[in-house]
Amino acid sequence: MEFRLSEEQEMMQRLAGEIAEDYGLEYWREKDETEEFPREMWDDLTEAGFMGLTVPTEFGGEGLGMEEVVAVALALGRRGGGVSGPNLLTLGPVFGGISIQEHGTESQQERLLPEIADGAMVCLGLTEPGAGLDTAGIETTAEKEGDEYVINGTKIWTTGAHVSDYIVTLARTSPMGDGKRHEGISLFVVPSDSDGISTSKIDKLSMRALGSCEVVYDDVRVPEDALLGEEGRGFYHLLGTLNTERIIWAAIPLSAGELALDLAVDYAGEREAFERPIGKNQGVQFPLAESKMELETAKLMVYKAASLYDAGEDCSMEANAAKFMAARAGFDAADRAVQTLGGMGFANEYHVERLYRDVRLARVAPVSDELVKAFVGTNVLGLPRSY
């Protein structure tokens, strides 16, 4: 069992960290305040090859896996990007590279994968106002008319839809049957500038630099070759993508928690009260030591899940557990950072309040703590289904 990154992985992590340092804490504070997409960083990451991490080499990518995605994500977050920086990878290697590589036709791969490696953004149109995390309950429809599909419905919390080139859209192609809620759902790669698509950003608490949107599909017509995978099997196609989403959404709060801990440790070492550094007090030091141990423990599960996925093995439990544990560890680290800084923890200039707001999202999305526990209880422990 290997607990070290390979030389190539270490090199990629260093390069990602160097890029991230060019877009440090002040950059992200400004993007948070203006709610502006970090296009400059996206372009630099694309030029360095990171948006083609999972794209096969024959299509212009790096041909690597989730272990490399995790390594890069951890560097992007800890070196200043917090939550938003590493989340850029979902719009390239994960939702784009992996989804199309695994389920796309040869024609789709030849057409779309080189675009993704060159920086085309792909977001995921999954969640709906009435369905939430109940994916089988979606109401968006895609009706076949001749050699086209006509899509109607509304998606919500589609991160990056306002800047993406494509939306991988989940829609129902046949009515829900008795006892077969997960069947009759299909995946489509929809150009975001298609006629009938309207996008509006949602005012929100966290991750403001990466806007999340409501997307309305009003008689959106796409050709037959927009279908990704087999018609009616979209839910099952999506499961692999959701595992990779959970893995990166474990790395994201983990890296943000590491950044918050770094800021707290620096402050505790410099700030003096009662004629001594506050970090000398066990009441300050011990919570930070706990966070260090919790973050390192969560990191092991993140890499385990990524390793299993790259080996082609089932990683459903590990991906969910990694996301659950990393989200808690990251949030606790940010919470302890705010406590360490005291009043200054609420000041924008010290950055931990932004990390606190941002990392809280990981307890809810892309899958809630409660649904992870329900999954493990039912599918791993074999207990009766609770939902």
Protein backbone atom coordinates (compact mmCIF):
# COMPACT_ATOMS: atom_id res chain seq x y z
CA MET A 1 0.00 0.00 0.00
CA GLU A 2 1.52 3.30 -1.14
CA PHE A 3 0.95 6.49 0.85
CA ARG A 4 3.05 8.80 -1.29
CA LEU A 5 2.28 10.68 -4.47
CA SER A 6 4.25 9.64 -7.53
CA GLU A 7 6.88 12.00 -8.90
CA GLU A 8 4.49 12.99 -11.69
CA GLN A 9 1.68 13.67 -9.23
CA GLU A 10 4.00 15.73 -7.02
CA MET A 11 5.14 17.74 -10.03
CA MET A 12 1.57 18.43 -11.07
CA GLN A 13 0.64 19.44 -7.52
CA ARG A 14 3.58 21.85 -7.36
CA LEU A 15 2.64 23.42 -10.69
CA ALA A 16 -0.99 23.79 -9.62
CA GLY A 17 0.17 25.36 -6.36
CA GLU A 18 2.35 27.86 -8.22
CA ILE A 19 -0.59 28.89 -10.40
CA ALA A 20 -2.84 29.17 -7.35
CA GLU A 21 -0.35 31.42 -5.59
CA ASP A 22 -0.66 33.88 -8.48
CA TYR A 23 -4.34 34.14 -7.52
CA GLY A 24 -4.14 34.42 -3.78
CA LEU A 25 -6.46 35.39 -0.98
CA GLU A 26 -6.98 38.98 -2.12
CA TYR A 27 -7.92 37.82 -5.61
CA TRP A 28 -10.58 35.48 -4.23
CA ARG A 29 -11.89 38.11 -1.83
CA GLU A 30 -12.41 40.43 -4.78
CA LYS A 31 -14.11 37.72 -6.83
CA ASP A 32 -16.36 36.94 -3.88
CA GLU A 33 -17.37 40.59 -3.52
CA THR A 34 -17.96 41.19 -7.23
CA GLU A 35 -19.38 37.69 -7.85
CA GLU A 36 -17.22 37.52 -10.97
CA PHE A 37 -16.11 34.23 -12.51
CA PRO A 38 -12.31 33.72 -12.22
CA ARG A 39 -11.70 33.60 -15.95
CA GLU A 40 -8.02 34.50 -15.64
CA MET A 41 -7.29 31.50 -13.45
CA TRP A 42 -9.38 29.25 -15.67
CA ASP A 43 -7.30 30.26 -18.68
CA ASP A 44 -4.01 29.65 -16.86
CA LEU A 45 -5.15 26.23 -15.65
CA THR A 46 -6.25 25.35 -19.18
CA GLU A 47 -2.93 26.44 -20.67
CA ALA A 48 -1.11 24.27 -18.11
CA GLY A 49 -3.19 21.25 -19.18
CA PHE A 50 -5.25 20.86 -16.02
CA MET A 51 -8.63 21.08 -17.74
CA GLY A 52 -7.63 18.10 -19.84
CA LEU A 53 -6.48 16.00 -16.87
CA THR A 54 -8.93 13.17 -17.50
CA VAL A 55 -9.17 13.57 -21.28
CA PRO A 56 -7.35 10.75 -23.10
CA THR A 57 -4.09 11.73 -24.77
CA GLU A 58 -5.44 10.93 -28.25
CA PHE A 59 -7.91 13.78 -27.76
CA GLY A 60 -5.36 16.29 -26.55
CA GLY A 61 -5.57 15.64 -22.80
CA GLU A 62 -3.31 14.20 -20.12
CA GLY A 63 -5.03 10.82 -19.84
CA LEU A 64 -4.89 10.76 -16.05
CA GLY A 65 -7.36 9.89 -13.30
CA MET A 66 -9.04 11.01 -10.13
CA GLU A 67 -5.90 10.66 -8.02
CA GLU A 68 -4.37 13.45 -10.09
CA VAL A 69 -7.59 15.49 -9.94
CA VAL A 70 -7.50 15.23 -6.13
CA ALA A 71 -3.81 16.16 -5.93
CA VAL A 72 -4.36 19.24 -8.08
CA ALA A 73 -7.55 20.22 -6.24
CA LEU A 74 -5.80 20.09 -2.88
CA ALA A 75 -3.08 22.43 -4.15
CA LEU A 76 -5.52 24.89 -5.71
CA GLY A 77 -7.53 25.15 -2.51
CA ARG A 78 -4.79 25.29 0.08
CA ARG A 79 -2.68 27.80 -1.86
CA GLY A 80 -5.45 30.40 -1.80
CA GLY A 81 -8.40 29.14 -3.83
CA GLY A 82 -10.31 27.77 -0.85
CA VAL A 83 -13.55 26.25 -2.16
CA SER A 84 -13.94 28.06 -5.49
CA GLY A 85 -10.47 27.39 -6.89
CA PRO A 86 -10.53 23.58 -6.88
CA ASN A 87 -14.22 23.57 -7.84
CA LEU A 88 -13.15 24.80 -11.29
CA LEU A 89 -12.07 21.23 -11.96
CA THR A 90 -15.67 20.03 -11.88
CA LEU A 91 -16.36 22.15 -14.98
CA GLY A 92 -13.59 20.47 -16.95
CA PRO A 93 -12.12 17.08 -16.00
CA VAL A 94 -15.16 15.78 -14.07
CA PHE A 95 -18.47 16.79 -15.65
CA GLY A 96 -16.91 17.08 -19.09
CA GLY A 97 -13.95 14.77 -19.43
CA ILE A 98 -15.22 11.80 -17.44
CA SER A 99 -18.89 11.92 -18.46
CA ILE A 100 -18.17 12.06 -22.18
CA GLN A 101 -15.24 9.65 -22.04
CA GLU A 102 -17.34 7.03 -20.24
CA HIS A 103 -20.65 7.38 -22.06
CA GLY A 104 -20.06 9.30 -25.27
CA THR A 105 -20.05 7.81 -28.74
CA GLU A 106 -16.86 7.84 -30.77
CA SER A 107 -18.21 10.85 -32.66
CA GLN A 108 -19.04 12.71 -29.45
CA GLN A 109 -15.62 12.00 -28.01
CA GLU A 110 -13.83 13.15 -31.16
CA ARG A 111 -15.88 16.35 -31.22
CA LEU A 112 -16.14 17.30 -27.56
CA LEU A 113 -13.11 15.98 -25.69
CA PRO A 114 -10.56 18.14 -27.58
CA GLU A 115 -12.76 21.16 -26.84
CA ILE A 116 -12.74 20.33 -23.13
CA ALA A 117 -8.96 19.92 -23.11
CA ASP A 118 -8.78 23.35 -24.76
CA GLY A 119 -10.91 24.95 -22.05
CA ALA A 120 -14.56 24.42 -23.00
CA MET A 121 -16.65 24.42 -19.81
CA VAL A 122 -19.20 21.74 -19.02
CA CYS A 123 -21.67 22.04 -16.13
CA LEU A 124 -24.24 19.56 -14.82
CA GLY A 125 -27.98 20.27 -15.08
CA LEU A 126 -29.31 17.87 -12.48
CA THR A 127 -31.12 19.43 -9.51
CA GLU A 128 -34.69 20.70 -9.89
CA PRO A 129 -36.81 22.92 -7.63
CA GLY A 130 -39.28 20.16 -6.82
CA ALA A 131 -36.91 17.19 -6.73
CA GLY A 132 -33.84 18.39 -4.85
CA LEU A 133 -31.60 15.41 -4.16
CA ASP A 134 -34.33 13.01 -5.33
CA THR A 135 -32.87 12.61 -8.80
CA ALA A 136 -35.50 10.10 -9.86
CA GLY A 137 -38.15 12.73 -9.18
CA ILE A 138 -37.08 15.11 -11.93
CA GLU A 139 -39.80 16.56 -14.17
CA THR A 140 -37.75 17.99 -17.03
CA THR A 141 -38.76 16.16 -20.21
CA ALA A 142 -37.08 15.40 -23.53
CA GLU A 143 -39.62 14.34 -26.15
CA LYS A 144 -38.51 12.77 -29.42
CA GLU A 145 -39.71 14.61 -32.53
CA GLY A 146 -38.25 13.23 -35.73
CA ASP A 147 -34.48 13.39 -35.51
CA GLU A 148 -34.54 15.82 -32.56
CA TYR A 149 -35.33 15.90 -28.85
CA VAL A 150 -37.35 18.80 -27.43
CA ILE A 151 -36.39 19.61 -23.84
CA ASN A 152 -38.67 21.44 -21.40
CA GLY A 153 -38.18 22.04 -17.69
CA THR A 154 -36.26 23.94 -15.05
CA LYS A 155 -32.97 23.17 -13.34
CA ILE A 156 -31.65 24.93 -10.26
CA TRP A 157 -28.26 25.26 -8.54
CA THR A 158 -26.49 24.58 -11.84
CA THR A 159 -23.05 25.93 -10.98
CA GLY A 160 -21.30 27.67 -13.84
CA ALA A 161 -24.24 27.58 -16.26
CA HIS A 162 -23.83 31.29 -17.02
CA VAL A 163 -20.28 30.76 -18.32
CA SER A 164 -20.34 27.15 -19.55
CA ASP A 165 -20.27 26.01 -23.15
CA TYR A 166 -22.29 22.84 -22.54
CA ILE A 167 -24.78 21.61 -19.96
CA VAL A 168 -24.94 17.87 -19.33
CA THR A 169 -28.69 17.74 -18.79
CA LEU A 170 -30.74 15.04 -17.12
CA ALA A 171 -34.27 14.73 -18.57
CA ARG A 172 -37.08 12.21 -18.56
CA THR A 173 -37.60 10.57 -21.97
CA SER A 174 -40.43 8.29 -20.84
CA PRO A 175 -43.03 8.53 -18.05
CA MET A 176 -42.22 7.26 -14.60
CA GLY A 177 -43.47 3.68 -14.24
CA ASP A 178 -44.66 1.94 -11.10
CA GLY A 179 -41.66 0.87 -9.07
CA LYS A 180 -39.26 2.03 -11.79
CA ARG A 181 -38.59 5.63 -10.82
CA HIS A 182 -34.96 5.52 -11.97
CA GLU A 183 -35.74 4.31 -15.47
CA GLY A 184 -36.78 6.42 -18.43
CA ILE A 185 -34.23 9.15 -17.64
CA SER A 186 -31.63 10.18 -20.21
CA LEU A 187 -28.53 12.36 -20.42
CA PHE A 188 -27.98 15.03 -23.07
CA VAL A 189 -25.05 17.29 -23.91
CA VAL A 190 -26.80 20.60 -24.58
CA PRO A 191 -24.97 23.68 -25.92
CA SER A 192 -25.65 26.43 -23.40
CA ASP A 193 -26.40 28.95 -26.16
CA SER A 194 -29.22 26.82 -27.60
CA ASP A 195 -32.44 28.64 -28.47
CA GLY A 196 -34.90 28.38 -25.59
CA ILE A 197 -32.34 28.31 -22.76
CA SER A 198 -32.47 31.15 -20.26
CA THR A 199 -30.09 31.39 -17.30
CA SER A 200 -30.25 33.53 -14.18
CA LYS A 201 -27.81 33.60 -11.26
CA ILE A 202 -29.03 32.85 -7.74
CA ASP A 203 -28.09 35.20 -4.90
CA LYS A 204 -26.41 32.95 -2.36
CA LEU A 205 -24.37 32.66 0.80
CA SER A 206 -21.23 30.98 -0.47
CA MET A 207 -18.99 30.29 -3.45
CA ARG A 208 -20.08 33.56 -5.00
CA ALA A 209 -17.25 33.63 -7.53
CA LEU A 210 -18.68 30.52 -9.16
CA GLY A 211 -22.26 31.52 -9.82
CA SER A 212 -25.01 28.93 -9.40
CA CYS A 213 -27.98 29.34 -11.68
CA GLU A 214 -31.56 28.59 -12.46
CA VAL A 215 -31.73 27.30 -16.02
CA VAL A 216 -35.06 27.21 -17.88
CA TYR A 217 -35.44 24.99 -20.95
CA ASP A 218 -38.30 26.19 -23.16
CA ASP A 219 -38.72 23.97 -26.22
CA VAL A 220 -34.96 23.51 -26.51
CA ARG A 221 -34.27 21.42 -29.61
CA VAL A 222 -31.18 19.25 -29.77
CA PRO A 223 -30.20 16.66 -32.41
CA GLU A 224 -30.24 12.93 -31.75
CA ASP A 225 -26.48 12.87 -31.27
CA ALA A 226 -26.87 15.09 -28.22
CA LEU A 227 -28.00 11.95 -26.36
CA LEU A 228 -25.21 10.79 -24.05
CA GLY A 229 -25.25 7.04 -23.56
CA GLU A 230 -28.33 4.86 -23.87
CA GLU A 231 -31.79 6.39 -23.86
CA GLY A 232 -33.62 5.70 -20.62
CA ARG A 233 -30.46 4.68 -18.77
CA GLY A 234 -29.24 8.15 -17.89
CA PHE A 235 -29.67 7.74 -14.14
CA TYR A 236 -27.39 4.71 -14.13
CA HIS A 237 -24.88 6.42 -16.42
CA LEU A 238 -24.83 9.32 -13.98
CA LEU A 239 -23.83 7.19 -10.99
CA GLY A 240 -20.18 7.04 -12.03
CA THR A 241 -20.09 10.78 -12.58
CA LEU A 242 -21.67 11.34 -9.17
CA ASN A 243 -18.96 9.23 -7.54
CA THR A 244 -16.29 11.42 -9.12
CA GLU A 245 -18.25 14.50 -8.05
CA ARG A 246 -18.27 13.24 -4.49
CA ILE A 247 -14.53 12.58 -4.63
CA ILE A 248 -13.68 16.07 -5.80
CA TRP A 249 -16.22 17.51 -3.38
CA ALA A 250 -14.26 15.75 -0.66
CA ALA A 251 -11.00 17.31 -1.85
CA ILE A 252 -12.61 20.78 -2.05
CA PRO A 253 -13.63 21.25 1.62
CA LEU A 254 -10.50 19.39 2.69
CA SER A 255 -8.26 21.90 0.91
CA ALA A 256 -10.31 24.84 2.20
CA GLY A 257 -10.03 23.46 5.71
CA GLU A 258 -6.26 23.19 5.32
CA LEU A 259 -6.12 26.81 4.20
CA ALA A 260 -8.26 27.94 7.14
CA LEU A 261 -6.04 25.97 9.52
CA ASP A 262 -2.91 27.56 8.04
CA LEU A 263 -4.38 31.02 8.57
CA ALA A 264 -5.39 30.17 12.14
CA VAL A 265 -1.97 28.75 13.01
CA ASP A 266 -0.21 31.84 11.63
CA TYR A 267 -2.50 34.12 13.62
CA ALA A 268 -2.14 32.09 16.81
CA GLY A 269 1.63 32.25 16.55
CA GLU A 270 1.71 36.02 16.05
CA ARG A 271 -1.20 37.37 18.10
CA GLU A 272 -0.30 38.15 21.70
CA ALA A 273 -2.69 38.51 24.62
CA PHE A 274 -1.78 38.70 28.29
CA GLU A 275 1.88 39.02 27.26
CA ARG A 276 2.07 35.68 25.44
CA PRO A 277 1.20 34.26 22.00
CA ILE A 278 -2.33 32.90 22.10
CA GLY A 279 -1.09 29.73 20.40
CA LYS A 280 0.76 28.90 23.62
CA ASN A 281 -2.59 28.32 25.30
CA GLN A 282 -3.91 24.77 25.08
CA GLY A 283 -7.44 26.14 24.69
CA VAL A 284 -6.32 27.59 21.34
CA GLN A 285 -3.71 25.01 20.38
CA PHE A 286 -5.64 21.80 20.99
CA PRO A 287 -8.62 22.50 18.67
CA LEU A 288 -6.20 23.34 15.88
CA ALA A 289 -4.27 20.12 16.53
CA GLU A 290 -7.57 18.21 16.34
CA SER A 291 -8.32 19.77 12.97
CA LYS A 292 -4.91 18.80 11.64
CA MET A 293 -5.52 15.17 12.60
CA GLU A 294 -9.07 15.17 11.25
CA LEU A 295 -8.01 16.67 7.91
CA GLU A 296 -5.18 14.19 7.47
CA THR A 297 -7.49 11.28 8.29
CA ALA A 298 -10.10 12.48 5.80
CA LYS A 299 -7.38 12.84 3.17
CA LEU A 300 -6.63 9.13 3.38
CA MET A 301 -10.25 8.29 2.53
CA VAL A 302 -10.27 10.79 -0.34
CA TYR A 303 -7.24 9.19 -1.95
CA LYS A 304 -8.61 5.70 -1.28
CA ALA A 305 -11.82 6.56 -3.11
CA ALA A 306 -9.88 8.10 -6.00
CA SER A 307 -7.56 5.09 -6.21
CA LEU A 308 -10.47 2.65 -6.31
CA TYR A 309 -12.19 4.66 -9.03
CA ASP A 310 -9.04 4.79 -11.15
CA ALA A 311 -8.65 1.01 -10.75
CA GLY A 312 -12.16 0.48 -12.10
CA GLU A 313 -13.46 -0.82 -8.79
CA ASP A 314 -16.65 0.09 -6.95
CA CYS A 315 -15.96 3.17 -4.85
CA SER A 316 -19.50 4.20 -3.93
CA MET A 317 -19.08 3.78 -0.18
CA GLU A 318 -15.60 5.30 -0.14
CA ALA A 319 -16.62 8.28 -2.31
CA ASN A 320 -19.59 9.04 -0.07
CA ALA A 321 -17.60 8.51 3.12
CA ALA A 322 -14.75 10.70 1.86
CA LYS A 323 -17.15 13.52 1.03
CA PHE A 324 -18.88 13.21 4.42
CA MET A 325 -15.70 13.13 6.51
CA ALA A 326 -13.86 15.80 4.52
CA ALA A 327 -16.83 18.15 4.62
CA ARG A 328 -17.02 17.85 8.40
CA ALA A 329 -13.27 18.16 8.89
CA GLY A 330 -13.08 21.16 6.57
CA PHE A 331 -16.00 22.94 8.19
CA ASP A 332 -14.71 22.29 11.70
CA ALA A 333 -11.31 23.66 10.68
CA ALA A 334 -12.90 26.83 9.32
CA ASP A 335 -15.07 27.16 12.44
CA ARG A 336 -12.03 26.76 14.69
CA ALA A 337 -10.16 29.31 12.58
CA VAL A 338 -12.92 31.86 13.18
CA GLN A 339 -12.79 31.07 16.91
CA THR A 340 -9.01 31.44 16.96
CA LEU A 341 -9.15 34.86 15.34
CA GLY A 342 -11.99 35.97 17.59
CA GLY A 343 -13.48 39.24 16.42
CA MET A 344 -11.07 39.40 13.51
CA GLY A 345 -12.49 36.12 12.30
CA PHE A 346 -15.55 38.09 11.19
CA ALA A 347 -13.52 40.68 9.26
CA ASN A 348 -13.29 40.29 5.48
CA GLU A 349 -9.62 41.22 5.47
CA TYR A 350 -8.66 38.06 7.37
CA HIS A 351 -10.40 35.74 4.88
CA VAL A 352 -11.54 33.01 7.28
CA GLU A 353 -15.13 34.30 7.30
CA ARG A 354 -15.28 33.63 3.54
CA LEU A 355 -13.85 30.15 3.97
CA TYR A 356 -16.38 29.53 6.75
CA ARG A 357 -19.25 30.54 4.47
CA ASP A 358 -17.94 28.62 1.51
CA VAL A 359 -17.02 25.34 3.15
CA ARG A 360 -20.42 25.10 4.87
CA LEU A 361 -21.82 24.31 1.43
CA ALA A 362 -20.08 20.93 1.45
CA ARG A 363 -22.33 19.74 4.27
CA VAL A 364 -25.32 20.18 1.93
CA ALA A 365 -24.05 19.76 -1.63
CA PRO A 366 -23.59 17.92 -3.87
CA VAL A 367 -25.11 15.40 -1.46
CA SER A 368 -26.22 16.13 2.09
CA ASP A 369 -24.77 14.57 5.23
CA GLU A 370 -28.11 12.91 5.87
CA LEU A 371 -28.35 11.27 2.46
CA VAL A 372 -24.80 9.94 2.77
CA LYS A 373 -25.71 8.29 6.07
CA ALA A 374 -28.87 6.88 4.52
CA PHE A 375 -26.84 5.45 1.64
CA VAL A 376 -24.33 3.79 3.95
CA GLY A 377 -27.05 2.51 6.27
CA THR A 378 -28.99 0.90 3.45
CA ASN A 379 -26.41 -0.08 0.85
CA VAL A 380 -23.43 -0.90 3.07
CA LEU A 381 -24.93 -2.02 6.37
CA GLY A 382 -27.95 -3.68 4.76
CA LEU A 383 -30.53 -1.94 6.92
CA PRO A 384 -34.08 -1.23 5.62
CA ARG A 385 -34.37 1.67 3.19
CA SER A 386 -35.19 4.87 5.06
CA TYR A 387 -36.00 7.13 2.11
